[in-house]
Amino acid sequence: MNNPLKTMAETRGSGWLRIPLYTLLLFSIYRSPLTYLLGEWRKEDFTYCFMVPFIVLYLIREQRGTLKTTPSLPSWKGLIPIILGIGLYFMGELAAEYTTLYLSLWLVIVGLCRLHLGWHKLKIIAFPLAFSLASFTPPSALYLPLTFRLKLISSQLGVAMMQLYGLSAFREGNVIDLGFTKLQVVDACSGLRFVIPLFLMGLLLAYYYKAPLWKKLFLVLSTIPLSIFTNSLRIALVGILYQFFGAAAAEGFFHDFTGWFIFLVTLALLLLESRLLNNGQSTVDSGQSAVDEGQGTGCRERTVGGEESRVKDPKEAGDLAEARKIGPLLRSPQTPAAVILLSVTLLLSQGVNFRENKPPLKSFLDFPLQVGRWSGVRTTMEQEFLEALQLTDYAVVNYRDGQEKEVNLYVGYNGSQTKGKATHSPATCLPGNGWDFRESGTTELLPWVGKSTPMRVNRAFMEKSGVRQLVYYWFPQRGRILTNLYQVKMYNFWDAVTRQRTDGALVRLITPVYGAEQPAITEARLRGFAGEIAPLLDSYLPK
């Protein structure tokens, strides 16, 4: 007769042996995105990510009592998220998209938990697993525009507070004019450094909050306006104190100290809010951990021998009883299945090249400097930008017409778009540099000789510190003209599989709005130049 305690110990021992094996496989597969992610964590905006793994481990440790007394019921259904995660892995690799790779890793980990622990244990650690998503940095296409919007909102509220104080303050974009000086609200003061950590604190507080669901949701969502308001208060304080302490109030230790101080004040307000929502009573169930601990110690001997009686599903109870009749190695046939899947993924990712590096038809160093009535001067990009973009070839030319009106041309070409060497969108990069996109949309260029249909391109007026410019941009991708970065990612994946190609380019044209120039005149100038330059690009970009 099998000893139940011995059987459980064998199962637990074999389970611990799986952890280093899976860790090695996952690290080998996801080494590139994990290395990139660690570099992102070192940026000031994402230092909070270092704390997320420790919080997740603490949350799981709190449930150790319940986990010990809940039977593990391995299920083949865990292969579903694993296979889905592997599919996302190849999609992220071929589309050069880190966010997809992060979600892939998370799904594989969830699948492994479902595969070996079963549904009951997975539900116990569902919140920690969901919270672990916070360790992945948000995509730039979402993060940078949001940072810019919050920066403008913080500037507006900060100016309003200064004016309420009696200070003469005016805002132009993200620049605040105080008369005696001008303050520029940079990305660090956007408020997003407050919003995300405080939102996570709100999630943790709601997790322990003894209240109805609507109160928990209200608490979490209130972190967003609360953090924006207090960050605006910080900007207002810097403006007010500037007249007494000078530049020291806006930089160095004082600037960092006010940031931390305002964050702690915001956190205190959040705790006060939770208490008020609960009518002044304690909001956290401090006895829950003690109960769980009791279940995992004093009750352990009593529950191990009767696990079948605690499993409500008769089929699962039968599976558990049957599992005790066979050895620990055969008890988990899911292990070799998962190992084989991950090993094949590793071999394919290392041994199969889905892309060929395709050079441009002609070097962009030979791109003409005389285009119709436009005469150009070629410029070079700074080394830091070249290292960041990893371009195969590029052209940056400033063109002028006979009336000294200027149009800047930028073409960036990648022979093979991979992670870190993929096309970037001006709608992401330029707002991140402080440009406010307005009237953003698309427009059509009339067809030229040899082309039967109009060409649709992105169009926007952008403004920064009183300077206005009109921009056109589009993405030539292997014979297609695309206007959406998500389309670029989708076609990168599809063409990598079907054509073994992911080459592509970004074309961007910018012209200033001169003085009181009518927008229609600016539009006609850029439209005319685009009509002349687009046919030339056909002889440089592979179809």
Protein backbone atom coordinates (compact mmCIF):
# COMPACT_ATOMS: atom_id res chain seq x y z
CA MET A 1 0.00 0.00 0.00
CA ASN A 2 1.36 3.41 -0.98
CA ASN A 3 2.15 5.90 1.73
CA PRO A 4 0.28 9.14 0.80
CA LEU A 5 2.88 11.35 2.48
CA LYS A 6 5.70 9.59 0.60
CA THR A 7 3.82 9.87 -2.70
CA MET A 8 3.27 13.59 -2.21
CA ALA A 9 6.93 14.09 -1.30
CA GLU A 10 8.05 12.23 -4.45
CA THR A 11 5.73 14.33 -6.61
CA ARG A 12 6.96 17.53 -5.01
CA GLY A 13 10.60 16.43 -5.44
CA SER A 14 10.16 15.66 -9.12
CA GLY A 15 8.36 18.98 -9.50
CA TRP A 16 11.33 20.89 -8.12
CA LEU A 17 13.59 19.15 -10.61
CA ARG A 18 11.48 20.49 -13.48
CA ILE A 19 12.01 24.12 -12.47
CA PRO A 20 15.72 24.44 -13.44
CA LEU A 21 15.06 22.53 -16.67
CA TYR A 22 12.24 24.87 -17.71
CA THR A 23 14.22 27.91 -16.56
CA LEU A 24 17.16 26.91 -18.76
CA LEU A 25 14.94 26.33 -21.79
CA LEU A 26 12.99 29.56 -21.36
CA PHE A 27 16.13 31.64 -20.86
CA SER A 28 17.69 30.11 -23.96
CA ILE A 29 14.61 30.86 -26.06
CA TYR A 30 13.88 34.35 -24.68
CA ARG A 31 17.46 35.49 -24.03
CA SER A 32 17.25 38.39 -26.49
CA PRO A 33 13.97 39.94 -25.24
CA LEU A 34 14.97 39.37 -21.59
CA THR A 35 18.31 41.13 -22.17
CA TYR A 36 16.51 44.02 -23.84
CA LEU A 37 13.94 44.13 -21.03
CA LEU A 38 16.65 44.36 -18.37
CA GLY A 39 18.11 47.33 -20.23
CA GLU A 40 14.68 48.98 -20.26
CA TRP A 41 14.37 48.50 -16.50
CA ARG A 42 17.50 50.62 -16.02
CA LYS A 43 15.76 53.63 -17.56
CA GLU A 44 14.41 56.07 -14.98
CA ASP A 45 10.83 55.65 -16.22
CA PHE A 46 10.82 51.90 -15.52
CA THR A 47 12.89 51.38 -12.37
CA TYR A 48 9.71 50.27 -10.60
CA CYS A 49 9.90 47.06 -12.67
CA PHE A 50 12.77 45.83 -10.46
CA MET A 51 10.31 45.49 -7.58
CA VAL A 52 7.64 43.56 -9.48
CA PRO A 53 9.29 40.08 -9.32
CA PHE A 54 9.77 40.42 -5.55
CA ILE A 55 6.15 41.47 -5.08
CA VAL A 56 4.98 38.51 -7.18
CA LEU A 57 7.09 36.09 -5.11
CA TYR A 58 5.72 37.59 -1.89
CA LEU A 59 2.12 37.26 -3.11
CA ILE A 60 2.70 33.60 -3.99
CA ARG A 61 4.45 32.96 -0.67
CA GLU A 62 1.41 34.33 1.15
CA GLN A 63 -0.65 31.58 -0.44
CA ARG A 64 1.75 28.78 0.46
CA GLY A 65 -0.61 27.35 3.08
CA THR A 66 -3.47 27.03 0.61
CA LEU A 67 -1.13 25.74 -2.09
CA LYS A 68 0.20 23.01 0.22
CA THR A 69 -3.28 21.70 1.02
CA THR A 70 -4.58 21.92 -2.55
CA PRO A 71 -3.82 18.87 -4.70
CA SER A 72 -1.88 19.29 -7.93
CA LEU A 73 -3.94 17.91 -10.81
CA PRO A 74 -1.81 18.05 -13.99
CA SER A 75 -3.86 18.81 -17.08
CA TRP A 76 -3.09 18.58 -20.78
CA LYS A 77 -5.11 21.78 -21.20
CA GLY A 78 -1.95 23.61 -20.17
CA LEU A 79 -0.58 22.89 -23.62
CA ILE A 80 -3.11 25.35 -25.10
CA PRO A 81 -1.50 28.55 -23.67
CA ILE A 82 1.97 27.05 -24.26
CA ILE A 83 1.28 26.46 -27.96
CA LEU A 84 -0.35 29.90 -28.24
CA GLY A 85 2.68 31.44 -26.53
CA ILE A 86 5.05 29.68 -28.94
CA GLY A 87 2.99 31.01 -31.85
CA LEU A 88 3.28 34.54 -30.45
CA TYR A 89 7.01 33.98 -30.03
CA PHE A 90 7.56 33.36 -33.73
CA MET A 91 5.19 36.20 -34.58
CA GLY A 92 7.13 38.57 -32.34
CA GLU A 93 10.46 37.39 -33.70
CA LEU A 94 9.46 37.78 -37.34
CA ALA A 95 7.53 41.03 -36.80
CA ALA A 96 10.38 42.47 -34.66
CA GLU A 97 7.96 43.25 -31.81
CA TYR A 98 9.14 42.98 -28.20
CA THR A 99 5.70 43.35 -26.61
CA THR A 100 4.50 40.24 -28.45
CA LEU A 101 7.55 38.35 -27.17
CA TYR A 102 6.81 39.43 -23.59
CA LEU A 103 3.22 38.19 -23.86
CA SER A 104 4.55 34.96 -25.37
CA LEU A 105 6.81 34.33 -22.37
CA TRP A 106 3.97 35.07 -19.95
CA LEU A 107 1.59 32.69 -21.73
CA VAL A 108 4.16 29.88 -21.73
CA ILE A 109 4.71 30.32 -17.96
CA VAL A 110 0.94 30.30 -17.33
CA GLY A 111 0.64 27.20 -19.51
CA LEU A 112 3.36 25.38 -17.57
CA CYS A 113 1.57 26.20 -14.30
CA ARG A 114 -1.71 24.88 -15.72
CA LEU A 115 0.05 21.83 -17.11
CA HIS A 116 1.59 20.71 -13.80
CA LEU A 117 -0.41 22.37 -11.01
CA GLY A 118 -3.91 22.15 -12.42
CA TRP A 119 -6.79 24.61 -12.49
CA HIS A 120 -7.36 24.81 -8.70
CA LYS A 121 -3.81 25.90 -7.89
CA LEU A 122 -3.70 28.18 -10.93
CA LYS A 123 -6.71 30.07 -9.58
CA ILE A 124 -4.94 30.54 -6.25
CA ILE A 125 -1.95 32.27 -7.90
CA ALA A 126 -4.00 34.00 -10.62
CA PHE A 127 -3.51 37.51 -9.20
CA PRO A 128 0.29 37.22 -8.79
CA LEU A 129 0.55 35.88 -12.34
CA ALA A 130 -1.57 38.74 -13.67
CA PHE A 131 0.45 41.26 -11.61
CA SER A 132 3.67 39.91 -13.15
CA LEU A 133 2.63 41.53 -16.45
CA ALA A 134 3.70 44.83 -14.85
CA SER A 135 7.32 43.68 -15.18
CA PHE A 136 7.04 44.16 -18.95
CA THR A 137 7.59 47.73 -20.12
CA PRO A 138 4.73 49.21 -22.20
CA PRO A 139 5.20 49.49 -25.98
CA SER A 140 6.71 52.77 -27.18
CA ALA A 141 3.80 53.32 -29.59
CA LEU A 142 1.56 53.63 -26.52
CA TYR A 143 3.97 54.96 -23.92
CA LEU A 144 5.53 57.95 -25.71
CA PRO A 145 2.28 59.58 -26.97
CA LEU A 146 0.72 59.03 -23.55
CA THR A 147 3.74 60.63 -21.89
CA PHE A 148 3.37 63.68 -24.12
CA ARG A 149 -0.37 64.03 -23.45
CA LEU A 150 0.11 63.77 -19.70
CA LYS A 151 2.93 66.30 -19.94
CA LEU A 152 0.56 68.82 -21.52
CA ILE A 153 -2.17 68.11 -18.94
CA SER A 154 0.31 68.48 -16.07
CA SER A 155 1.56 71.77 -17.57
CA GLN A 156 -1.99 73.14 -17.89
CA LEU A 157 -2.94 72.26 -14.32
CA GLY A 158 0.42 73.48 -12.98
CA VAL A 159 -0.03 76.87 -14.67
CA ALA A 160 -3.57 77.13 -13.29
CA MET A 161 -2.23 76.49 -9.77
CA MET A 162 0.51 79.10 -10.21
CA GLN A 163 -2.04 81.65 -11.41
CA LEU A 164 -4.26 80.82 -8.44
CA TYR A 165 -1.28 81.51 -6.19
CA GLY A 166 -0.90 84.90 -7.90
CA LEU A 167 2.09 84.16 -10.09
CA SER A 168 2.09 85.44 -13.67
CA ALA A 169 2.43 82.24 -15.68
CA PHE A 170 1.59 81.36 -19.28
CA ARG A 171 1.93 78.07 -21.12
CA GLU A 172 2.98 77.47 -24.71
CA GLY A 173 3.11 73.76 -25.43
CA ASN A 174 5.25 72.19 -22.71
CA VAL A 175 7.05 75.49 -21.94
CA ILE A 176 5.85 77.61 -19.00
CA ASP A 177 6.71 81.32 -19.20
CA LEU A 178 7.03 82.90 -15.71
CA GLY A 179 8.24 86.26 -16.96
CA PHE A 180 11.54 86.08 -15.10
CA THR A 181 12.33 82.65 -16.55
CA LYS A 182 10.96 79.83 -18.71
CA LEU A 183 10.42 76.28 -17.43
CA GLN A 184 10.29 73.33 -19.80
CA VAL A 185 8.19 70.42 -18.61
CA VAL A 186 10.26 67.43 -19.72
CA ASP A 187 9.23 63.78 -19.96
CA ALA A 188 10.36 63.15 -16.40
CA CYS A 189 7.64 65.56 -15.25
CA SER A 190 4.92 64.08 -17.43
CA GLY A 191 3.38 62.31 -14.47
CA LEU A 192 3.61 58.86 -16.03
CA ARG A 193 6.41 57.98 -13.62
CA PHE A 194 3.81 58.54 -10.92
CA VAL A 195 0.80 57.06 -12.70
CA ILE A 196 2.12 53.55 -13.36
CA PRO A 197 3.69 52.83 -9.91
CA LEU A 198 0.68 54.33 -8.13
CA PHE A 199 -1.70 52.34 -10.34
CA LEU A 200 0.16 49.18 -9.30
CA MET A 201 -0.08 50.24 -5.66
CA GLY A 202 -3.81 50.70 -6.17
CA LEU A 203 -4.04 47.16 -7.57
CA LEU A 204 -2.24 45.74 -4.54
CA LEU A 205 -4.43 47.72 -2.17
CA ALA A 206 -7.58 46.55 -3.95
CA TYR A 207 -6.33 42.94 -3.72
CA TYR A 208 -6.32 43.17 0.08
CA TYR A 209 -9.32 45.52 0.25
CA LYS A 210 -12.36 44.24 2.17
CA ALA A 211 -15.01 45.96 0.08
CA PRO A 212 -17.45 45.39 -2.81
CA LEU A 213 -16.01 45.13 -6.32
CA TRP A 214 -17.17 48.61 -7.37
CA LYS A 215 -15.20 50.16 -4.51
CA LYS A 216 -12.09 48.24 -5.52
CA LEU A 217 -12.44 49.40 -9.12
CA PHE A 218 -13.02 52.99 -7.99
CA LEU A 219 -9.90 52.84 -5.83
CA VAL A 220 -7.72 51.55 -8.68
CA LEU A 221 -9.05 53.96 -11.32
CA SER A 222 -8.80 56.95 -8.97
CA THR A 223 -5.01 56.54 -8.91
CA ILE A 224 -4.80 58.05 -12.40
CA PRO A 225 -6.38 61.49 -11.80
CA LEU A 226 -4.90 61.58 -8.30
CA SER A 227 -1.33 61.11 -9.51
CA ILE A 228 -1.81 63.60 -12.36
CA PHE A 229 -3.15 66.22 -9.95
CA THR A 230 -0.33 65.81 -7.44
CA ASN A 231 2.26 65.86 -10.22
CA SER A 232 0.75 69.16 -11.41
CA LEU A 233 1.10 70.40 -7.85
CA ARG A 234 4.78 69.49 -8.02
CA ILE A 235 5.23 71.55 -11.21
CA ALA A 236 3.42 74.48 -9.57
CA LEU A 237 5.68 74.26 -6.50
CA VAL A 238 8.79 74.32 -8.71
CA GLY A 239 7.49 77.47 -10.44
CA ILE A 240 6.64 79.18 -7.16
CA LEU A 241 9.92 78.28 -5.46
CA TYR A 242 11.97 79.24 -8.54
CA GLN A 243 11.59 82.91 -7.69
CA PHE A 244 13.24 82.27 -4.29
CA PHE A 245 15.83 79.57 -5.01
CA GLY A 246 16.50 80.04 -8.72
CA ALA A 247 17.48 77.13 -10.97
CA ALA A 248 18.17 74.91 -7.94
CA ALA A 249 14.41 74.52 -7.49
CA ALA A 250 14.08 72.86 -10.90
CA GLU A 251 17.06 70.51 -10.94
CA GLY A 252 19.32 68.32 -8.86
CA PHE A 253 18.50 67.12 -5.37
CA PHE A 254 15.60 69.49 -4.80
CA HIS A 255 13.86 68.39 -7.99
CA ASP A 256 14.27 64.69 -7.14
CA PHE A 257 13.22 65.24 -3.53
CA THR A 258 9.99 66.97 -4.51
CA GLY A 259 9.24 64.05 -6.83
CA TRP A 260 9.59 61.49 -4.06
CA PHE A 261 7.75 63.69 -1.58
CA ILE A 262 4.78 64.19 -3.90
CA PHE A 263 4.67 60.43 -4.60
CA LEU A 264 4.52 59.67 -0.86
CA VAL A 265 1.81 62.30 -0.40
CA THR A 266 -0.17 60.73 -3.26
CA LEU A 267 0.19 57.29 -1.69
CA ALA A 268 -0.99 58.64 1.65
CA LEU A 269 -4.03 60.19 -0.05
CA LEU A 270 -4.78 56.84 -1.69
CA LEU A 271 -4.69 55.08 1.67
CA LEU A 272 -6.92 57.76 3.16
CA GLU A 273 -9.34 57.33 0.25
CA SER A 274 -9.54 53.58 0.84
CA ARG A 275 -10.30 54.15 4.51
CA LEU A 276 -13.02 56.71 3.73
CA LEU A 277 -14.59 54.33 1.23
CA ASN A 278 -14.70 51.73 3.98
CA ASN A 279 -16.34 54.13 6.47
CA GLY A 280 -13.19 54.56 8.48
CA GLN A 281 -12.73 50.84 9.17
CA SER A 282 -9.66 48.73 8.48
CA THR A 283 -9.37 47.95 4.78
CA VAL A 284 -7.05 44.92 4.88
CA ASP A 285 -7.88 41.44 6.09
CA SER A 286 -4.81 40.94 8.24
CA GLY A 287 -5.95 37.56 9.45
CA GLN A 288 -6.07 35.91 6.04
CA SER A 289 -2.41 34.97 5.99
CA ALA A 290 -2.66 33.48 9.45
CA VAL A 291 -5.59 31.33 8.34
CA ASP A 292 -3.70 30.16 5.26
CA GLU A 293 -0.65 29.43 7.39
CA GLY A 294 -2.75 27.37 9.74
CA GLN A 295 -4.13 25.38 6.85
CA GLY A 296 -0.61 24.66 5.70
CA THR A 297 0.78 23.46 9.06
CA GLY A 298 -1.56 22.11 11.69
CA CYS A 299 -4.11 20.84 9.15
CA ARG A 300 -1.60 19.32 6.76
CA GLU A 301 -1.56 15.75 8.21
CA ARG A 302 -5.34 15.65 8.24
CA THR A 303 -5.85 16.82 4.64
CA VAL A 304 -3.16 14.89 2.81
CA GLY A 305 -4.79 11.53 3.29
CA GLY A 306 -8.19 12.76 2.17
CA GLU A 307 -7.45 14.85 -0.89
CA GLU A 308 -9.98 13.00 -3.04
CA SER A 309 -12.76 14.13 -0.73
CA ARG A 310 -11.77 17.79 -1.20
CA VAL A 311 -11.85 17.67 -5.01
CA LYS A 312 -15.40 18.36 -6.15
CA ASP A 313 -15.00 17.01 -9.69
CA PRO A 314 -15.32 13.17 -9.51
CA LYS A 315 -13.14 12.76 -12.60
CA GLU A 316 -10.34 14.86 -11.07
CA ALA A 317 -10.63 12.87 -7.81
CA GLY A 318 -10.25 9.68 -9.81
CA ASP A 319 -7.23 11.07 -11.64
CA LEU A 320 -5.60 11.88 -8.32
CA ALA A 321 -6.24 8.40 -6.95
CA GLU A 322 -4.90 6.82 -10.13
CA ALA A 323 -1.80 9.01 -10.01
CA ARG A 324 -0.80 7.41 -6.71
CA LYS A 325 -0.64 3.96 -8.29
CA ILE A 326 2.24 4.78 -10.65
CA GLY A 327 5.72 6.12 -10.22
CA PRO A 328 6.47 9.88 -10.05
CA LEU A 329 8.24 9.88 -13.44
CA LEU A 330 5.31 8.34 -15.33
CA ARG A 331 2.85 10.33 -13.25
CA SER A 332 3.72 13.46 -15.24
CA PRO A 333 3.85 12.63 -18.96
CA GLN A 334 3.18 16.34 -19.52
CA THR A 335 6.82 17.06 -18.66
CA PRO A 336 8.41 15.42 -21.74
CA ALA A 337 5.67 16.93 -23.93
CA ALA A 338 6.46 20.45 -22.69
CA VAL A 339 10.22 19.87 -22.90
CA ILE A 340 9.92 18.63 -26.50
CA LEU A 341 7.78 21.64 -27.50
CA LEU A 342 10.22 24.13 -25.95
CA SER A 343 13.27 22.32 -27.33
CA VAL A 344 11.85 22.34 -30.87
CA THR A 345 11.08 26.06 -30.47
CA LEU A 346 14.68 26.67 -29.38
CA LEU A 347 16.10 24.72 -32.33
CA LEU A 348 13.87 26.49 -34.86
CA SER A 349 14.68 29.92 -33.44
CA GLN A 350 18.42 29.24 -33.62
CA GLY A 351 18.67 27.14 -36.76
CA VAL A 352 16.10 28.50 -39.22
CA ASN A 353 16.56 31.90 -40.88
CA PHE A 354 13.23 33.25 -42.09
CA ARG A 355 14.73 36.45 -43.51
CA GLU A 356 17.21 37.42 -46.13
CA ASN A 357 19.05 40.72 -45.87
CA LYS A 358 18.10 42.57 -49.05
CA PRO A 359 20.13 45.66 -49.94
CA PRO A 360 18.55 48.69 -51.66
CA LEU A 361 18.58 48.68 -55.46
CA LYS A 362 20.94 51.67 -55.37
CA SER A 363 22.85 53.34 -52.56
CA PHE A 364 21.09 56.34 -51.02
CA LEU A 365 24.44 58.13 -51.09
CA ASP A 366 23.64 58.64 -54.77
CA PHE A 367 20.16 60.07 -54.17
CA PRO A 368 19.84 63.15 -56.41
CA LEU A 369 20.36 66.57 -54.88
CA GLN A 370 18.56 68.29 -57.74
CA VAL A 371 14.87 67.35 -58.00
CA GLY A 372 12.98 69.63 -60.38
CA ARG A 373 13.19 73.16 -58.98
CA TRP A 374 14.49 71.84 -55.63
CA SER A 375 18.22 71.95 -54.76
CA GLY A 376 19.39 69.84 -51.83
CA VAL A 377 22.20 69.66 -49.30
CA ARG A 378 22.97 66.23 -47.90
CA THR A 379 23.42 65.89 -44.12
CA THR A 380 24.53 63.02 -41.88
CA MET A 381 22.89 61.62 -38.77
CA GLU A 382 24.61 61.68 -35.39
CA GLN A 383 26.26 58.43 -34.33
CA GLU A 384 23.92 57.87 -31.37
CA PHE A 385 20.90 57.86 -33.70
CA LEU A 386 22.62 55.55 -36.18
CA GLU A 387 23.39 53.11 -33.37
CA ALA A 388 19.80 53.25 -32.15
CA LEU A 389 18.15 52.83 -35.58
CA GLN A 390 20.62 50.27 -37.00
CA LEU A 391 19.81 51.30 -40.59
CA THR A 392 21.13 49.50 -43.66
CA ASP A 393 21.12 52.76 -45.64
CA TYR A 394 19.58 56.21 -45.30
CA ALA A 395 19.32 59.66 -46.80
CA VAL A 396 18.76 63.02 -45.08
CA VAL A 397 18.59 65.94 -47.49
CA ASN A 398 17.44 69.54 -46.96
CA TYR A 399 15.91 70.85 -50.20
CA ARG A 400 15.20 74.50 -51.06
CA ASP A 401 13.28 75.99 -53.97
CA GLY A 402 13.82 79.32 -55.70
CA GLN A 403 11.81 81.11 -53.00
CA GLU A 404 14.04 79.72 -50.24
CA LYS A 405 11.28 77.51 -48.88
CA GLU A 406 12.62 74.32 -47.34
CA VAL A 407 11.57 70.68 -47.29
CA ASN A 408 13.47 68.08 -45.30
CA LEU A 409 13.61 64.54 -46.71
CA TYR A 410 14.42 61.53 -44.56
CA VAL A 411 14.54 57.95 -45.87
CA GLY A 412 15.58 55.15 -43.52
CA TYR A 413 15.98 51.68 -45.04
CA ASN A 414 16.35 48.32 -43.26
CA GLY A 415 17.42 45.34 -45.38
CA SER A 416 16.06 42.99 -42.72
CA GLN A 417 13.78 44.20 -39.95
CA THR A 418 14.60 42.45 -36.69
CA LYS A 419 14.30 43.44 -33.02
CA GLY A 420 16.16 46.72 -32.61
CA LYS A 421 16.48 47.11 -36.42
CA ALA A 422 12.87 47.82 -37.38
CA THR A 423 11.02 50.75 -38.88
CA HIS A 424 10.00 53.47 -36.41
CA SER A 425 6.98 55.72 -36.74
CA PRO A 426 7.25 59.53 -36.54
CA ALA A 427 3.93 59.45 -34.69
CA THR A 428 5.84 57.76 -31.87
CA CYS A 429 9.28 59.37 -32.04
CA LEU A 430 8.38 63.01 -32.70
CA PRO A 431 5.83 63.38 -29.85
CA GLY A 432 8.47 61.79 -27.64
CA ASN A 433 10.72 64.75 -28.58
CA GLY A 434 8.08 67.27 -27.60
CA TRP A 435 6.16 67.75 -30.87
CA ASP A 436 2.39 67.98 -30.57
CA PHE A 437 0.66 66.24 -33.49
CA ARG A 438 -2.49 68.06 -34.66
CA GLU A 439 -4.92 67.42 -37.50
CA SER A 440 -3.36 63.99 -37.78
CA GLY A 441 -4.79 61.78 -40.52
CA THR A 442 -4.09 60.62 -44.06
CA THR A 443 -4.14 62.21 -47.52
CA GLU A 444 -3.79 60.96 -51.09
CA LEU A 445 -1.08 61.91 -53.57
CA LEU A 446 -2.11 61.97 -57.22
CA PRO A 447 -0.73 59.08 -59.31
CA TRP A 448 2.32 59.77 -61.45
CA VAL A 449 3.54 58.27 -64.73
CA GLY A 450 3.65 54.50 -64.41
CA LYS A 451 1.30 54.45 -61.42
CA SER A 452 -2.45 54.08 -61.91
CA THR A 453 -3.78 54.68 -58.39
CA PRO A 454 -3.30 57.49 -55.83
CA MET A 455 -0.84 56.89 -52.99
CA ARG A 456 -2.18 57.31 -49.44
CA VAL A 457 0.24 58.82 -46.91
CA ASN A 458 0.08 60.01 -43.31
CA ARG A 459 -0.25 63.74 -42.76
CA ALA A 460 -0.13 65.95 -39.65
CA PHE A 461 0.62 69.48 -38.51
CA MET A 462 2.96 69.42 -35.53
CA GLU A 463 3.89 72.20 -33.12
CA LYS A 464 6.62 72.72 -30.55
CA SER A 465 7.44 75.94 -28.70
CA GLY A 466 5.52 78.03 -31.24
CA VAL A 467 7.14 76.40 -34.28
CA ARG A 468 4.68 74.75 -36.69
CA GLN A 469 5.55 72.20 -39.37
CA LEU A 470 3.67 69.98 -41.80
CA VAL A 471 4.77 66.36 -42.08
CA TYR A 472 4.00 63.59 -44.56
CA TYR A 473 5.25 60.07 -43.96
CA TRP A 474 4.66 56.55 -45.24
CA PHE A 475 6.18 53.06 -45.08
CA PRO A 476 7.29 51.45 -48.38
CA GLN A 477 7.36 47.72 -47.58
CA ARG A 478 8.27 45.28 -50.36
CA GLY A 479 6.03 46.88 -53.00
CA ARG A 480 3.31 48.04 -50.56
CA ILE A 481 2.75 51.56 -49.31
CA LEU A 482 1.55 51.32 -45.70
CA THR A 483 0.47 54.06 -43.31
CA ASN A 484 0.10 52.09 -40.08
CA LEU A 485 2.92 50.61 -38.02
CA TYR A 486 0.76 47.67 -37.01
CA GLN A 487 0.28 46.88 -40.70
CA VAL A 488 4.06 46.91 -41.02
CA LYS A 489 4.38 44.37 -38.19
CA MET A 490 1.68 42.14 -39.67
CA TYR A 491 3.19 42.11 -43.16
CA ASN A 492 6.68 41.58 -41.73
CA PHE A 493 5.47 38.35 -40.16
CA TRP A 494 3.57 37.24 -43.26
CA ASP A 495 6.35 38.04 -45.73
CA ALA A 496 9.00 36.46 -43.51
CA VAL A 497 7.08 33.18 -43.68
CA THR A 498 6.00 33.34 -47.34
CA ARG A 499 8.78 35.35 -49.00
CA GLN A 500 11.69 35.20 -46.53
CA ARG A 501 11.84 39.01 -46.63
CA THR A 502 11.27 41.77 -44.08
CA ASP A 503 13.06 44.68 -45.78
CA GLY A 504 11.32 48.04 -45.67
CA ALA A 505 11.70 51.79 -45.29
CA LEU A 506 10.28 54.92 -43.74
CA VAL A 507 9.92 58.06 -45.87
CA ARG A 508 9.30 61.34 -44.04
CA LEU A 509 8.91 64.86 -45.49
CA ILE A 510 8.75 67.98 -43.30
CA THR A 511 8.28 71.62 -44.27
CA PRO A 512 7.93 74.62 -41.92
CA VAL A 513 4.87 76.85 -41.76
CA TYR A 514 6.45 80.25 -42.50
CA GLY A 515 5.08 83.10 -40.39
CA ALA A 516 1.45 83.84 -41.24
CA GLU A 517 1.51 81.47 -44.20
CA GLN A 518 -1.85 79.90 -44.98
CA PRO A 519 -2.02 76.14 -44.32
CA ALA A 520 -3.20 75.59 -47.91
CA ILE A 521 0.05 77.08 -49.24
CA THR A 522 2.14 74.87 -46.94
CA GLU A 523 0.08 71.87 -48.03
CA ALA A 524 0.52 72.63 -51.74
CA ARG A 525 4.30 72.96 -51.32
CA LEU A 526 4.71 69.62 -49.57
CA ARG A 527 2.25 67.84 -51.84
CA GLY A 528 4.11 69.07 -54.92
CA PHE A 529 7.48 67.97 -53.53
CA ALA A 530 6.10 64.54 -52.53
CA GLY A 531 4.78 64.05 -56.05
CA GLU A 532 8.27 64.64 -57.44
CA ILE A 533 10.20 62.57 -54.91
CA ALA A 534 7.94 59.48 -54.77
CA PRO A 535 8.72 58.25 -58.31
CA LEU A 536 12.46 58.54 -57.63
CA LEU A 537 12.19 56.23 -54.62
CA ASP A 538 10.92 53.41 -56.84
CA SER A 539 14.40 53.03 -58.31
CA TYR A 540 15.99 52.65 -54.85
CA LEU A 541 13.55 50.48 -52.88
CA PRO A 542 13.17 46.77 -53.73
CA LYS A 543 9.70 45.63 -54.78
